[in-house]
């Protein structure tokens, strides 16, 4: 992940985001998670497996149309690098 994406994510951590591709392992149903800030979305995807979700195919959508989505590995790296700073608005 390049510095430009990391900087954009940190700057927009309080912006609205939606998460697609999350599967509840109990019900085996895909769950859409919306109305969440970008920082909380990254935290959720990075830690979702311990909560009983499969997020291997998850995408975090945020920003203006055309902004690249974040995938599981992006969220893992961002959460590991910035942690709680992503939750501060």
PDB file of N, CA and C in Angstrom:
ATOM      1  N   UNK A   1       0.858  -1.173   0.000  1.00  0.00           N
ATOM      2  CA  UNK A   1       0.000   0.000   0.000  1.00  0.00           C
ATOM      3  C   UNK A   1       0.897   1.227   0.000  1.00  0.00           C
ATOM      4  N   UNK A   2       0.613   2.137  -0.905  1.00  0.00           N
ATOM      5  CA  UNK A   2       1.488   3.300  -0.998  1.00  0.00           C
ATOM      6  C   UNK A   2       1.086   4.394  -0.014  1.00  0.00           C
ATOM      7  N   UNK A   3       2.000   5.345   0.151  1.00  0.00           N
ATOM      8  CA  UNK A   3       1.791   6.425   1.118  1.00  0.00           C
ATOM      9  C   UNK A   3       0.601   7.309   0.770  1.00  0.00           C
ATOM     10  N   UNK A   4       0.320   7.478  -0.513  1.00  0.00           N
ATOM     11  CA  UNK A   4      -0.808   8.315  -0.922  1.00  0.00           C
ATOM     12  C   UNK A   4      -2.130   7.721  -0.444  1.00  0.00           C
ATOM     13  N   UNK A   5      -2.282   6.406  -0.575  1.00  0.00           N
ATOM     14  CA  UNK A   5      -3.508   5.748  -0.114  1.00  0.00           C
ATOM     15  C   UNK A   5      -3.598   5.827   1.401  1.00  0.00           C
ATOM     16  N   UNK A   6      -2.492   5.552   2.090  1.00  0.00           N
ATOM     17  CA  UNK A   6      -2.488   5.632   3.557  1.00  0.00           C
ATOM     18  C   UNK A   6      -2.856   7.034   4.028  1.00  0.00           C
ATOM     19  N   UNK A   7      -2.301   8.046   3.388  1.00  0.00           N
ATOM     20  CA  UNK A   7      -2.605   9.433   3.758  1.00  0.00           C
ATOM     21  C   UNK A   7      -4.068   9.761   3.500  1.00  0.00           C
ATOM     22  N   UNK A   8      -4.594   9.309   2.362  1.00  0.00           N
ATOM     23  CA  UNK A   8      -5.998   9.561   2.035  1.00  0.00           C
ATOM     24  C   UNK A   8      -6.920   8.877   3.038  1.00  0.00           C
ATOM     25  N   UNK A   9      -6.578   7.655   3.424  1.00  0.00           N
ATOM     26  CA  UNK A   9      -7.392   6.914   4.397  1.00  0.00           C
ATOM     27  C   UNK A   9      -7.359   7.618   5.746  1.00  0.00           C
ATOM     28  N   UNK A  10      -6.180   8.026   6.189  1.00  0.00           N
ATOM     29  CA  UNK A  10      -6.095   8.732   7.467  1.00  0.00           C
ATOM     30  C   UNK A  10      -6.876  10.038   7.430  1.00  0.00           C
ATOM     31  N   UNK A  11      -6.784  10.766   6.338  1.00  0.00           N
ATOM     32  CA  UNK A  11      -7.514  12.028   6.224  1.00  0.00           C
ATOM     33  C   UNK A  11      -9.023  11.805   6.204  1.00  0.00           C
ATOM     34  N   UNK A  12      -9.469  10.687   5.636  1.00  0.00           N
ATOM     35  CA  UNK A  12     -10.900  10.410   5.517  1.00  0.00           C
ATOM     36  C   UNK A  12     -11.431   9.411   6.514  1.00  0.00           C
ATOM     37  N   UNK A  13     -10.692   9.142   7.573  1.00  0.00           N
ATOM     38  CA  UNK A  13     -11.076   8.091   8.524  1.00  0.00           C
ATOM     39  C   UNK A  13     -12.446   8.305   9.168  1.00  0.00           C
ATOM     40  N   UNK A  14     -12.925   9.540   9.212  1.00  0.00           N
ATOM     41  CA  UNK A  14     -14.240   9.828   9.787  1.00  0.00           C
ATOM     42  C   UNK A  14     -15.351   9.869   8.757  1.00  0.00           C
ATOM     43  N   UNK A  15     -14.998   9.688   7.489  1.00  0.00           N
ATOM     44  CA  UNK A  15     -15.995   9.719   6.406  1.00  0.00           C
ATOM     45  C   UNK A  15     -16.833   8.443   6.406  1.00  0.00           C
ATOM     46  N   UNK A  16     -17.982   8.509   5.759  1.00  0.00           N
ATOM     47  CA  UNK A  16     -18.869   7.349   5.656  1.00  0.00           C
ATOM     48  C   UNK A  16     -18.250   6.261   4.790  1.00  0.00           C
ATOM     49  N   UNK A  17     -18.518   5.024   5.160  1.00  0.00           N
ATOM     50  CA  UNK A  17     -18.044   3.868   4.392  1.00  0.00           C
ATOM     51  C   UNK A  17     -19.095   2.772   4.454  1.00  0.00           C
ATOM     52  N   UNK A  18     -18.998   1.853   3.513  1.00  0.00           N
ATOM     53  CA  UNK A  18     -19.849   0.668   3.497  1.00  0.00           C
ATOM     54  C   UNK A  18     -18.951  -0.543   3.297  1.00  0.00           C
ATOM     55  N   UNK A  19     -19.364  -1.663   3.860  1.00  0.00           N
ATOM     56  CA  UNK A  19     -18.601  -2.897   3.716  1.00  0.00           C
ATOM     57  C   UNK A  19     -19.480  -3.921   3.017  1.00  0.00           C
ATOM     58  N   UNK A  20     -18.959  -4.484   1.946  1.00  0.00           N
ATOM     59  CA  UNK A  20     -19.638  -5.536   1.198  1.00  0.00           C
ATOM     60  C   UNK A  20     -18.792  -6.804   1.273  1.00  0.00           C
ATOM     61  N   UNK A  21     -19.430  -7.949   1.093  1.00  0.00           N
ATOM     62  CA  UNK A  21     -18.704  -9.208   1.035  1.00  0.00           C
ATOM     63  C   UNK A  21     -18.401  -9.837   2.379  1.00  0.00           C
ATOM     64  N   UNK A  22     -19.152  -9.457   3.402  1.00  0.00           N
ATOM     65  CA  UNK A  22     -18.984 -10.036   4.743  1.00  0.00           C
ATOM     66  C   UNK A  22     -20.008 -11.155   4.905  1.00  0.00           C
ATOM     67  N   UNK A  23     -19.551 -12.338   5.293  1.00  0.00           N
ATOM     68  CA  UNK A  23     -20.441 -13.481   5.479  1.00  0.00           C
ATOM     69  C   UNK A  23     -20.472 -13.856   6.953  1.00  0.00           C
ATOM     70  N   UNK A  24     -21.679 -13.888   7.498  1.00  0.00           N
ATOM     71  CA  UNK A  24     -21.878 -14.341   8.879  1.00  0.00           C
ATOM     72  C   UNK A  24     -21.723 -15.856   8.879  1.00  0.00           C
ATOM     73  N   UNK A  25     -20.741 -16.362   9.601  1.00  0.00           N
ATOM     74  CA  UNK A  25     -20.453 -17.800   9.579  1.00  0.00           C
ATOM     75  C   UNK A  25     -21.528 -18.632  10.269  1.00  0.00           C
ATOM     76  N   UNK A  26     -22.314 -18.034  11.139  1.00  0.00           N
ATOM     77  CA  UNK A  26     -23.393 -18.761  11.803  1.00  0.00           C
ATOM     78  C   UNK A  26     -24.547 -19.012  10.844  1.00  0.00           C
ATOM     79  N   UNK A  27     -24.984 -17.959  10.157  1.00  0.00           N
ATOM     80  CA  UNK A  27     -26.141 -18.082   9.264  1.00  0.00           C
ATOM     81  C   UNK A  27     -25.747 -18.376   7.816  1.00  0.00           C
ATOM     82  N   UNK A  28     -24.472 -18.202   7.491  1.00  0.00           N
ATOM     83  CA  UNK A  28     -23.963 -18.390   6.118  1.00  0.00           C
ATOM     84  C   UNK A  28     -24.589 -17.404   5.136  1.00  0.00           C
ATOM     85  N   UNK A  29     -24.982 -16.238   5.637  1.00  0.00           N
ATOM     86  CA  UNK A  29     -25.624 -15.215   4.820  1.00  0.00           C
ATOM     87  C   UNK A  29     -24.698 -14.006   4.726  1.00  0.00           C
ATOM     88  N   UNK A  30     -24.629 -13.432   3.514  1.00  0.00           N
ATOM     89  CA  UNK A  30     -23.835 -12.224   3.340  1.00  0.00           C
ATOM     90  C   UNK A  30     -24.517 -11.067   4.051  1.00  0.00           C
ATOM     91  N   UNK A  31     -23.733 -10.315   4.789  1.00  0.00           N
ATOM     92  CA  UNK A  31     -24.230  -9.198   5.568  1.00  0.00           C
ATOM     93  C   UNK A  31     -23.610  -7.919   5.037  1.00  0.00           C
ATOM     94  N   UNK A  32     -24.429  -6.937   4.720  1.00  0.00           N
ATOM     95  CA  UNK A  32     -23.927  -5.650   4.273  1.00  0.00           C
ATOM     96  C   UNK A  32     -23.852  -4.727   5.481  1.00  0.00           C
ATOM     97  N   UNK A  33     -22.729  -4.082   5.635  1.00  0.00           N
ATOM     98  CA  UNK A  33     -22.540  -3.196   6.776  1.00  0.00           C
ATOM     99  C   UNK A  33     -22.345  -1.784   6.241  1.00  0.00           C
ATOM    100  N   UNK A  34     -23.275  -0.919   6.566  1.00  0.00           N
ATOM    101  CA  UNK A  34     -23.215   0.465   6.111  1.00  0.00           C
ATOM    102  C   UNK A  34     -23.323   1.400   7.292  1.00  0.00           C
ATOM    103  N   UNK A  35     -23.362   2.689   7.021  1.00  0.00           N
ATOM    104  CA  UNK A  35     -23.476   3.716   8.064  1.00  0.00           C
ATOM    105  C   UNK A  35     -22.401   3.535   9.131  1.00  0.00           C
ATOM    106  N   UNK A  36     -21.172   3.441   8.662  1.00  0.00           N
ATOM    107  CA  UNK A  36     -20.027   3.247   9.543  1.00  0.00           C
ATOM    108  C   UNK A  36     -18.918   4.163   9.029  1.00  0.00           C
ATOM    109  N   UNK A  37     -18.079   4.657   9.929  1.00  0.00           N
ATOM    110  CA  UNK A  37     -16.971   5.492   9.471  1.00  0.00           C
ATOM    111  C   UNK A  37     -15.893   4.611   8.845  1.00  0.00           C
ATOM    112  N   UNK A  38     -15.066   5.220   8.033  1.00  0.00           N
ATOM    113  CA  UNK A  38     -13.997   4.477   7.368  1.00  0.00           C
ATOM    114  C   UNK A  38     -13.058   3.835   8.382  1.00  0.00           C
ATOM    115  N   UNK A  39     -12.693   4.553   9.419  1.00  0.00           N
ATOM    116  CA  UNK A  39     -11.806   3.990  10.447  1.00  0.00           C
ATOM    117  C   UNK A  39     -12.412   2.773  11.122  1.00  0.00           C
ATOM    118  N   UNK A  40     -13.705   2.849  11.455  1.00  0.00           N
ATOM    119  CA  UNK A  40     -14.372   1.706  12.078  1.00  0.00           C
ATOM    120  C   UNK A  40     -14.542   0.552  11.089  1.00  0.00           C
ATOM    121  N   UNK A  41     -14.739   0.865   9.820  1.00  0.00           N
ATOM    122  CA  UNK A  41     -14.848  -0.180   8.805  1.00  0.00           C
ATOM    123  C   UNK A  41     -13.540  -0.951   8.693  1.00  0.00           C
ATOM    124  N   UNK A  42     -12.431  -0.229   8.696  1.00  0.00           N
ATOM    125  CA  UNK A  42     -11.116  -0.885   8.628  1.00  0.00           C
ATOM    126  C   UNK A  42     -10.910  -1.751   9.863  1.00  0.00           C
ATOM    127  N   UNK A  43     -11.242  -1.232  11.026  1.00  0.00           N
ATOM    128  CA  UNK A  43     -11.116  -2.005  12.268  1.00  0.00           C
ATOM    129  C   UNK A  43     -11.975  -3.267  12.202  1.00  0.00           C
ATOM    130  N   UNK A  44     -13.211  -3.126  11.733  1.00  0.00           N
ATOM    131  CA  UNK A  44     -14.109  -4.266  11.665  1.00  0.00           C
ATOM    132  C   UNK A  44     -13.543  -5.346  10.756  1.00  0.00           C
ATOM    133  N   UNK A  45     -13.148  -4.976   9.546  1.00  0.00           N
ATOM    134  CA  UNK A  45     -12.652  -5.975   8.591  1.00  0.00           C
ATOM    135  C   UNK A  45     -11.373  -6.627   9.116  1.00  0.00           C
ATOM    136  N   UNK A  46     -10.495  -5.847   9.720  1.00  0.00           N
ATOM    137  CA  UNK A  46      -9.238  -6.396  10.236  1.00  0.00           C
ATOM    138  C   UNK A  46      -9.465  -7.391  11.372  1.00  0.00           C
ATOM    139  N   UNK A  47     -10.563  -7.228  12.113  1.00  0.00           N
ATOM    140  CA  UNK A  47     -10.801  -8.075  13.290  1.00  0.00           C
ATOM    141  C   UNK A  47     -12.037  -8.961  13.182  1.00  0.00           C
ATOM    142  N   UNK A  48     -12.685  -8.993  12.047  1.00  0.00           N
ATOM    143  CA  UNK A  48     -13.978  -9.666  11.897  1.00  0.00           C
ATOM    144  C   UNK A  48     -13.930 -11.173  12.103  1.00  0.00           C
ATOM    145  N   UNK A  49     -12.821 -11.802  11.817  1.00  0.00           N
ATOM    146  CA  UNK A  49     -12.776 -13.254  11.944  1.00  0.00           C
ATOM    147  C   UNK A  49     -13.002 -13.708  13.386  1.00  0.00           C
ATOM    148  N   UNK A  50     -12.534 -12.934  14.361  1.00  0.00           N
ATOM    149  CA  UNK A  50     -12.759 -13.311  15.759  1.00  0.00           C
ATOM    150  C   UNK A  50     -14.199 -13.074  16.186  1.00  0.00           C
ATOM    151  N   UNK A  51     -14.947 -12.312  15.387  1.00  0.00           N
ATOM    152  CA  UNK A  51     -16.358 -12.045  15.674  1.00  0.00           C
ATOM    153  C   UNK A  51     -17.293 -13.006  14.951  1.00  0.00           C
ATOM    154  N   UNK A  52     -16.712 -13.948  14.189  1.00  0.00           N
ATOM    155  CA  UNK A  52     -17.534 -14.945  13.501  1.00  0.00           C
ATOM    156  C   UNK A  52     -17.935 -14.578  12.089  1.00  0.00           C
ATOM    157  N   UNK A  53     -17.133 -13.759  11.424  1.00  0.00           N
ATOM    158  CA  UNK A  53     -17.416 -13.368  10.052  1.00  0.00           C
ATOM    159  C   UNK A  53     -16.286 -13.824   9.127  1.00  0.00           C
ATOM    160  N   UNK A  54     -16.661 -14.145   7.906  1.00  0.00           N
ATOM    161  CA  UNK A  54     -15.690 -14.430   6.854  1.00  0.00           C
ATOM    162  C   UNK A  54     -15.592 -13.167   6.014  1.00  0.00           C
ATOM    163  N   UNK A  55     -14.418 -12.565   5.985  1.00  0.00           N
ATOM    164  CA  UNK A  55     -14.230 -11.314   5.256  1.00  0.00           C
ATOM    165  C   UNK A  55     -13.186 -11.452   4.145  1.00  0.00           C
ATOM    166  N   UNK A  56     -12.924 -12.673   3.722  1.00  0.00           N
ATOM    167  CA  UNK A  56     -11.924 -12.878   2.664  1.00  0.00           C
ATOM    168  C   UNK A  56     -12.294 -12.134   1.390  1.00  0.00           C
ATOM    169  N   UNK A  57     -13.573 -11.962   1.118  1.00  0.00           N
ATOM    170  CA  UNK A  57     -14.017 -11.259  -0.084  1.00  0.00           C
ATOM    171  C   UNK A  57     -14.535  -9.863   0.197  1.00  0.00           C
ATOM    172  N   UNK A  58     -14.258  -9.338   1.383  1.00  0.00           N
ATOM    173  CA  UNK A  58     -14.804  -8.032   1.773  1.00  0.00           C
ATOM    174  C   UNK A  58     -14.169  -6.886   0.997  1.00  0.00           C
ATOM    175  N   UNK A  59     -14.989  -5.867   0.745  1.00  0.00           N
ATOM    176  CA  UNK A  59     -14.539  -4.619   0.136  1.00  0.00           C
ATOM    177  C   UNK A  59     -15.110  -3.469   0.950  1.00  0.00           C
ATOM    178  N   UNK A  60     -14.257  -2.516   1.275  1.00  0.00           N
ATOM    179  CA  UNK A  60     -14.695  -1.300   1.959  1.00  0.00           C
ATOM    180  C   UNK A  60     -14.764  -0.204   0.907  1.00  0.00           C
ATOM    181  N   UNK A  61     -15.967   0.339   0.710  1.00  0.00           N
ATOM    182  CA  UNK A  61     -16.178   1.426  -0.240  1.00  0.00           C
ATOM    183  C   UNK A  61     -16.305   2.730   0.528  1.00  0.00           C
ATOM    184  N   UNK A  62     -15.616   3.755   0.038  1.00  0.00           N
ATOM    185  CA  UNK A  62     -15.629   5.059   0.697  1.00  0.00           C
ATOM    186  C   UNK A  62     -15.265   6.118  -0.324  1.00  0.00           C
ATOM    187  N   UNK A  63     -15.468   7.352   0.040  1.00  0.00           N
ATOM    188  CA  UNK A  63     -15.054   8.457  -0.815  1.00  0.00           C
ATOM    189  C   UNK A  63     -15.915   8.626  -2.050  1.00  0.00           C
ATOM    190  N   UNK A  64     -15.400   9.400  -2.961  1.00  0.00           N
ATOM    191  CA  UNK A  64     -16.095   9.693  -4.213  1.00  0.00           C
ATOM    192  C   UNK A  64     -16.068   8.486  -5.133  1.00  0.00           C
ATOM    193  N   UNK A  65     -17.049   8.386  -6.031  1.00  0.00           N
ATOM    194  CA  UNK A  65     -17.018   7.301  -7.010  1.00  0.00           C
ATOM    195  C   UNK A  65     -15.664   7.281  -7.731  1.00  0.00           C
ATOM    196  N   UNK A  66     -15.123   6.109  -7.886  1.00  0.00           N
ATOM    197  CA  UNK A  66     -13.816   5.962  -8.515  1.00  0.00           C
ATOM    198  C   UNK A  66     -12.683   5.794  -7.526  1.00  0.00           C
ATOM    199  N   UNK A  67     -12.948   6.070  -6.237  1.00  0.00           N
ATOM    200  CA  UNK A  67     -11.933   5.841  -5.214  1.00  0.00           C
ATOM    201  C   UNK A  67     -11.720   4.337  -5.087  1.00  0.00           C
ATOM    202  N   UNK A  68     -10.474   3.880  -5.118  1.00  0.00           N
ATOM    203  CA  UNK A  68     -10.242   2.427  -5.000  1.00  0.00           C
ATOM    204  C   UNK A  68     -10.794   1.890  -3.682  1.00  0.00           C
ATOM    205  N   UNK A  69     -11.402   0.715  -3.744  1.00  0.00           N
ATOM    206  CA  UNK A  69     -11.911   0.093  -2.526  1.00  0.00           C
ATOM    207  C   UNK A  69     -10.756  -0.527  -1.755  1.00  0.00           C
ATOM    208  N   UNK A  70     -10.994  -0.764  -0.483  1.00  0.00           N
ATOM    209  CA  UNK A  70     -10.007  -1.442   0.361  1.00  0.00           C
ATOM    210  C   UNK A  70     -10.416  -2.896   0.508  1.00  0.00           C
ATOM    211  N   UNK A  71      -9.465  -3.789   0.413  1.00  0.00           N
ATOM    212  CA  UNK A  71      -9.711  -5.224   0.576  1.00  0.00           C
ATOM    213  C   UNK A  71      -9.223  -5.653   1.956  1.00  0.00           C
ATOM    214  N   UNK A  72      -9.430  -6.905   2.288  1.00  0.00           N
ATOM    215  CA  UNK A  72      -9.055  -7.455   3.597  1.00  0.00           C
ATOM    216  C   UNK A  72      -7.588  -7.160   3.924  1.00  0.00           C
ATOM    217  N   UNK A  73      -6.696  -7.456   2.978  1.00  0.00           N
ATOM    218  CA  UNK A  73      -5.268  -7.265   3.246  1.00  0.00           C
ATOM    219  C   UNK A  73      -4.926  -5.790   3.433  1.00  0.00           C
ATOM    220  N   UNK A  74      -5.632  -4.891   2.750  1.00  0.00           N
ATOM    221  CA  UNK A  74      -5.423  -3.458   2.951  1.00  0.00           C
ATOM    222  C   UNK A  74      -5.807  -3.069   4.372  1.00  0.00           C
ATOM    223  N   UNK A  75      -6.957  -3.554   4.813  1.00  0.00           N
ATOM    224  CA  UNK A  75      -7.448  -3.251   6.164  1.00  0.00           C
ATOM    225  C   UNK A  75      -6.508  -3.812   7.217  1.00  0.00           C
ATOM    226  N   UNK A  76      -6.011  -5.022   6.993  1.00  0.00           N
ATOM    227  CA  UNK A  76      -5.056  -5.614   7.945  1.00  0.00           C
ATOM    228  C   UNK A  76      -3.818  -4.735   8.092  1.00  0.00           C
ATOM    229  N   UNK A  77      -3.272  -4.304   6.962  1.00  0.00           N
ATOM    230  CA  UNK A  77      -2.056  -3.474   6.989  1.00  0.00           C
ATOM    231  C   UNK A  77      -2.320  -2.113   7.616  1.00  0.00           C
ATOM    232  N   UNK A  78      -3.437  -1.491   7.243  1.00  0.00           N
ATOM    233  CA  UNK A  78      -3.759  -0.181   7.805  1.00  0.00           C
ATOM    234  C   UNK A  78      -3.996  -0.273   9.310  1.00  0.00           C
ATOM    235  N   UNK A  79      -4.714  -1.292   9.747  1.00  0.00           N
ATOM    236  CA  UNK A  79      -4.994  -1.441  11.174  1.00  0.00           C
ATOM    237  C   UNK A  79      -3.705  -1.713  11.947  1.00  0.00           C
ATOM    238  N   UNK A  80      -2.838  -2.558  11.392  1.00  0.00           N
ATOM    239  CA  UNK A  80      -1.559  -2.868  12.049  1.00  0.00           C
ATOM    240  C   UNK A  80      -0.670  -1.624  12.139  1.00  0.00           C
ATOM    241  N   UNK A  81      -0.702  -0.796  11.110  1.00  0.00           N
ATOM    242  CA  UNK A  81       0.169   0.373  11.065  1.00  0.00           C
ATOM    243  C   UNK A  81      -0.374   1.546  11.875  1.00  0.00           C
ATOM    244  N   UNK A  82      -1.695   1.782  11.824  1.00  0.00           N
ATOM    245  CA  UNK A  82      -2.262   2.985  12.432  1.00  0.00           C
ATOM    246  C   UNK A  82      -3.173   2.720  13.622  1.00  0.00           C
ATOM    247  N   UNK A  83      -3.730   1.536  13.735  1.00  0.00           N
ATOM    248  CA  UNK A  83      -4.568   1.165  14.871  1.00  0.00           C
ATOM    249  C   UNK A  83      -5.550   2.228  15.303  1.00  0.00           C
ATOM    250  N   UNK A  84      -5.506   2.577  16.572  1.00  0.00           N
ATOM    251  CA  UNK A  84      -6.451   3.511  17.172  1.00  0.00           C
ATOM    252  C   UNK A  84      -6.513   4.874  16.516  1.00  0.00           C
ATOM    253  N   UNK A  85      -5.460   5.284  15.818  1.00  0.00           N
ATOM    254  CA  UNK A  85      -5.480   6.591  15.122  1.00  0.00           C
ATOM    255  C   UNK A  85      -6.581   6.618  14.077  1.00  0.00           C
ATOM    256  N   UNK A  86      -6.964   5.461  13.542  1.00  0.00           N
ATOM    257  CA  UNK A  86      -8.029   5.394  12.544  1.00  0.00           C
ATOM    258  C   UNK A  86      -9.393   5.684  13.165  1.00  0.00           C
ATOM    259  N   UNK A  87      -9.505   5.529  14.470  1.00  0.00           N
ATOM    260  CA  UNK A  87     -10.791   5.731  15.141  1.00  0.00           C
ATOM    261  C   UNK A  87     -10.974   7.157  15.647  1.00  0.00           C
ATOM    262  N   UNK A  88      -9.902   7.923  15.626  1.00  0.00           N
ATOM    263  CA  UNK A  88      -9.990   9.317  16.085  1.00  0.00           C
ATOM    264  C   UNK A  88     -10.502  10.195  14.960  1.00  0.00           C
ATOM    265  N   UNK A  89     -11.470  11.033  15.278  1.00  0.00           N
ATOM    266  CA  UNK A  89     -12.016  11.916  14.235  1.00  0.00           C
ATOM    267  C   UNK A  89     -11.773  13.362  14.564  1.00  0.00           C
TER     268      UNK A  89
END
